[in-house]
PDB file of N, CA and C in Angstrom:
ATOM      1  N   UNK A   1       4.138  29.088 -19.809  1.00  0.00           N
ATOM      2  CA  UNK A   1       4.475  28.656 -21.159  1.00  0.00           C
ATOM      3  C   UNK A   1       3.271  27.931 -21.786  1.00  0.00           C
ATOM      4  N   UNK A   2       2.686  27.023 -21.020  1.00  0.00           N
ATOM      5  CA  UNK A   2       1.524  26.300 -21.545  1.00  0.00           C
ATOM      6  C   UNK A   2       0.375  27.280 -21.791  1.00  0.00           C
ATOM      7  N   UNK A   3       0.221  28.229 -20.864  1.00  0.00           N
ATOM      8  CA  UNK A   3      -0.860  29.194 -21.002  1.00  0.00           C
ATOM      9  C   UNK A   3      -0.665  30.002 -22.286  1.00  0.00           C
ATOM     10  N   UNK A   4       0.571  30.437 -22.522  1.00  0.00           N
ATOM     11  CA  UNK A   4       0.850  31.228 -23.712  1.00  0.00           C
ATOM     12  C   UNK A   4       0.505  30.426 -24.966  1.00  0.00           C
ATOM     13  N   UNK A   5       0.875  29.144 -24.956  1.00  0.00           N
ATOM     14  CA  UNK A   5       0.592  28.294 -26.116  1.00  0.00           C
ATOM     15  C   UNK A   5      -0.913  28.183 -26.342  1.00  0.00           C
ATOM     16  N   UNK A   6      -1.654  27.970 -25.257  1.00  0.00           N
ATOM     17  CA  UNK A   6      -3.102  27.815 -25.390  1.00  0.00           C
ATOM     18  C   UNK A   6      -3.717  29.115 -25.934  1.00  0.00           C
ATOM     19  N   UNK A   7      -3.225  30.254 -25.450  1.00  0.00           N
ATOM     20  CA  UNK A   7      -3.757  31.538 -25.914  1.00  0.00           C
ATOM     21  C   UNK A   7      -3.481  31.698 -27.402  1.00  0.00           C
ATOM     22  N   UNK A   8      -2.257  31.372 -27.823  1.00  0.00           N
ATOM     23  CA  UNK A   8      -1.910  31.530 -29.239  1.00  0.00           C
ATOM     24  C   UNK A   8      -2.782  30.615 -30.089  1.00  0.00           C
ATOM     25  N   UNK A   9      -2.995  29.385 -29.629  1.00  0.00           N
ATOM     26  CA  UNK A   9      -3.823  28.453 -30.402  1.00  0.00           C
ATOM     27  C   UNK A   9      -5.260  28.969 -30.462  1.00  0.00           C
ATOM     28  N   UNK A  10      -5.731  29.531 -29.347  1.00  0.00           N
ATOM     29  CA  UNK A  10      -7.098  30.056 -29.317  1.00  0.00           C
ATOM     30  C   UNK A  10      -7.243  31.196 -30.328  1.00  0.00           C
ATOM     31  N   UNK A  11      -6.248  32.079 -30.349  1.00  0.00           N
ATOM     32  CA  UNK A  11      -6.296  33.207 -31.287  1.00  0.00           C
ATOM     33  C   UNK A  11      -6.272  32.685 -32.715  1.00  0.00           C
ATOM     34  N   UNK A  12      -5.451  31.668 -32.953  1.00  0.00           N
ATOM     35  CA  UNK A  12      -5.347  31.114 -34.304  1.00  0.00           C
ATOM     36  C   UNK A  12      -6.692  30.535 -34.739  1.00  0.00           C
ATOM     37  N   UNK A  13      -7.325  29.768 -33.851  1.00  0.00           N
ATOM     38  CA  UNK A  13      -8.611  29.167 -34.197  1.00  0.00           C
ATOM     39  C   UNK A  13      -9.656  30.262 -34.415  1.00  0.00           C
ATOM     40  N   UNK A  14      -9.598  31.306 -33.583  1.00  0.00           N
ATOM     41  CA  UNK A  14     -10.566  32.399 -33.727  1.00  0.00           C
ATOM     42  C   UNK A  14     -10.378  33.068 -35.083  1.00  0.00           C
ATOM     43  N   UNK A  15      -9.108  33.294 -35.469  1.00  0.00           N
ATOM     44  CA  UNK A  15      -8.834  33.933 -36.750  1.00  0.00           C
ATOM     45  C   UNK A  15      -9.359  33.056 -37.890  1.00  0.00           C
ATOM     46  N   UNK A  16      -9.157  31.742 -37.761  1.00  0.00           N
ATOM     47  CA  UNK A  16      -9.607  30.826 -38.811  1.00  0.00           C
ATOM     48  C   UNK A  16     -11.132  30.878 -38.919  1.00  0.00           C
ATOM     49  N   UNK A  17     -11.804  30.882 -37.777  1.00  0.00           N
ATOM     50  CA  UNK A  17     -13.266  30.925 -37.774  1.00  0.00           C
ATOM     51  C   UNK A  17     -13.739  32.236 -38.402  1.00  0.00           C
ATOM     52  N   UNK A  18     -13.057  33.347 -38.094  1.00  0.00           N
ATOM     53  CA  UNK A  18     -13.436  34.642 -38.649  1.00  0.00           C
ATOM     54  C   UNK A  18     -13.299  34.619 -40.162  1.00  0.00           C
ATOM     55  N   UNK A  19     -12.175  34.034 -40.636  1.00  0.00           N
ATOM     56  CA  UNK A  19     -11.958  33.973 -42.078  1.00  0.00           C
ATOM     57  C   UNK A  19     -13.043  33.111 -42.732  1.00  0.00           C
ATOM     58  N   UNK A  20     -13.383  31.994 -42.079  1.00  0.00           N
ATOM     59  CA  UNK A  20     -14.409  31.106 -42.642  1.00  0.00           C
ATOM     60  C   UNK A  20     -15.746  31.844 -42.705  1.00  0.00           C
ATOM     61  N   UNK A  21     -16.043  32.617 -41.653  1.00  0.00           N
ATOM     62  CA  UNK A  21     -17.303  33.365 -41.631  1.00  0.00           C
ATOM     63  C   UNK A  21     -17.321  34.369 -42.783  1.00  0.00           C
ATOM     64  N   UNK A  22     -16.202  35.055 -43.007  1.00  0.00           N
ATOM     65  CA  UNK A  22     -16.139  36.022 -44.106  1.00  0.00           C
ATOM     66  C   UNK A  22     -16.384  35.323 -45.437  1.00  0.00           C
ATOM     67  N   UNK A  23     -15.752  34.150 -45.625  1.00  0.00           N
ATOM     68  CA  UNK A  23     -15.936  33.420 -46.885  1.00  0.00           C
ATOM     69  C   UNK A  23     -17.402  33.036 -47.060  1.00  0.00           C
ATOM     70  N   UNK A  24     -18.037  32.584 -45.987  1.00  0.00           N
ATOM     71  CA  UNK A  24     -19.445  32.205 -46.067  1.00  0.00           C
ATOM     72  C   UNK A  24     -20.293  33.417 -46.451  1.00  0.00           C
ATOM     73  N   UNK A  25     -20.001  34.564 -45.861  1.00  0.00           N
ATOM     74  CA  UNK A  25     -20.771  35.774 -46.144  1.00  0.00           C
ATOM     75  C   UNK A  25     -20.609  36.154 -47.610  1.00  0.00           C
ATOM     76  N   UNK A  26     -19.382  36.146 -48.112  1.00  0.00           N
ATOM     77  CA  UNK A  26     -19.134  36.509 -49.508  1.00  0.00           C
ATOM     78  C   UNK A  26     -19.845  35.521 -50.428  1.00  0.00           C
ATOM     79  N   UNK A  27     -19.815  34.231 -50.084  1.00  0.00           N
ATOM     80  CA  UNK A  27     -20.478  33.217 -50.910  1.00  0.00           C
ATOM     81  C   UNK A  27     -21.989  33.454 -50.916  1.00  0.00           C
ATOM     82  N   UNK A  28     -22.540  33.770 -49.758  1.00  0.00           N
ATOM     83  CA  UNK A  28     -23.978  34.024 -49.674  1.00  0.00           C
ATOM     84  C   UNK A  28     -24.339  35.244 -50.517  1.00  0.00           C
ATOM     85  N   UNK A  29     -23.541  36.310 -50.439  1.00  0.00           N
ATOM     86  CA  UNK A  29     -23.810  37.514 -51.223  1.00  0.00           C
ATOM     87  C   UNK A  29     -23.769  37.185 -52.708  1.00  0.00           C
ATOM     88  N   UNK A  30     -22.782  36.385 -53.110  1.00  0.00           N
ATOM     89  CA  UNK A  30     -22.652  36.030 -54.525  1.00  0.00           C
ATOM     90  C   UNK A  30     -23.887  35.254 -54.977  1.00  0.00           C
ATOM     91  N   UNK A  31     -24.311  34.285 -54.162  1.00  0.00           N
ATOM     92  CA  UNK A  31     -25.473  33.468 -54.527  1.00  0.00           C
ATOM     93  C   UNK A  31     -26.721  34.357 -54.602  1.00  0.00           C
ATOM     94  N   UNK A  32     -26.849  35.294 -53.667  1.00  0.00           N
ATOM     95  CA  UNK A  32     -28.002  36.196 -53.687  1.00  0.00           C
ATOM     96  C   UNK A  32     -28.001  37.037 -54.959  1.00  0.00           C
ATOM     97  N   UNK A  33     -26.808  37.513 -55.354  1.00  0.00           N
ATOM     98  CA  UNK A  33     -26.708  38.343 -56.554  1.00  0.00           C
ATOM     99  C   UNK A  33     -27.150  37.531 -57.771  1.00  0.00           C
ATOM    100  N   UNK A  34     -26.678  36.277 -57.839  1.00  0.00           N
ATOM    101  CA  UNK A  34     -27.047  35.420 -58.979  1.00  0.00           C
ATOM    102  C   UNK A  34     -28.557  35.192 -58.971  1.00  0.00           C
ATOM    103  N   UNK A  35     -29.113  34.969 -57.772  1.00  0.00           N
ATOM    104  CA  UNK A  35     -30.553  34.725 -57.667  1.00  0.00           C
ATOM    105  C   UNK A  35     -31.327  35.938 -58.179  1.00  0.00           C
ATOM    106  N   UNK A  36     -30.925  37.135 -57.762  1.00  0.00           N
ATOM    107  CA  UNK A  36     -31.615  38.362 -58.188  1.00  0.00           C
ATOM    108  C   UNK A  36     -31.495  38.528 -59.696  1.00  0.00           C
ATOM    109  N   UNK A  37     -30.297  38.258 -60.231  1.00  0.00           N
ATOM    110  CA  UNK A  37     -30.092  38.402 -61.678  1.00  0.00           C
ATOM    111  C   UNK A  37     -31.000  37.435 -62.432  1.00  0.00           C
ATOM    112  N   UNK A  38     -31.100  36.195 -61.946  1.00  0.00           N
ATOM    113  CA  UNK A  38     -31.941  35.210 -62.637  1.00  0.00           C
ATOM    114  C   UNK A  38     -33.405  35.636 -62.561  1.00  0.00           C
ATOM    115  N   UNK A  39     -33.830  36.207 -61.444  1.00  0.00           N
ATOM    116  CA  UNK A  39     -35.227  36.641 -61.305  1.00  0.00           C
ATOM    117  C   UNK A  39     -35.494  37.810 -62.258  1.00  0.00           C
ATOM    118  N   UNK A  40     -34.549  38.751 -62.342  1.00  0.00           N
ATOM    119  CA  UNK A  40     -34.737  39.910 -63.222  1.00  0.00           C
ATOM    120  C   UNK A  40     -34.746  39.476 -64.678  1.00  0.00           C
ATOM    121  N   UNK A  41     -33.860  38.538 -65.042  1.00  0.00           N
ATOM    122  CA  UNK A  41     -33.737  38.125 -66.440  1.00  0.00           C
ATOM    123  C   UNK A  41     -35.009  37.411 -66.920  1.00  0.00           C
TER     124      UNK A  41
END
């Protein structure tokens, strides 16, 4: 029972980290796009 709980918590934390990584990537892409637009303009 304890093992199952730990596994579920581990999966939850992993999912949260994955989501955070995706958000960081999207934010970086957005900032890069703005940077390129400002350089072109």
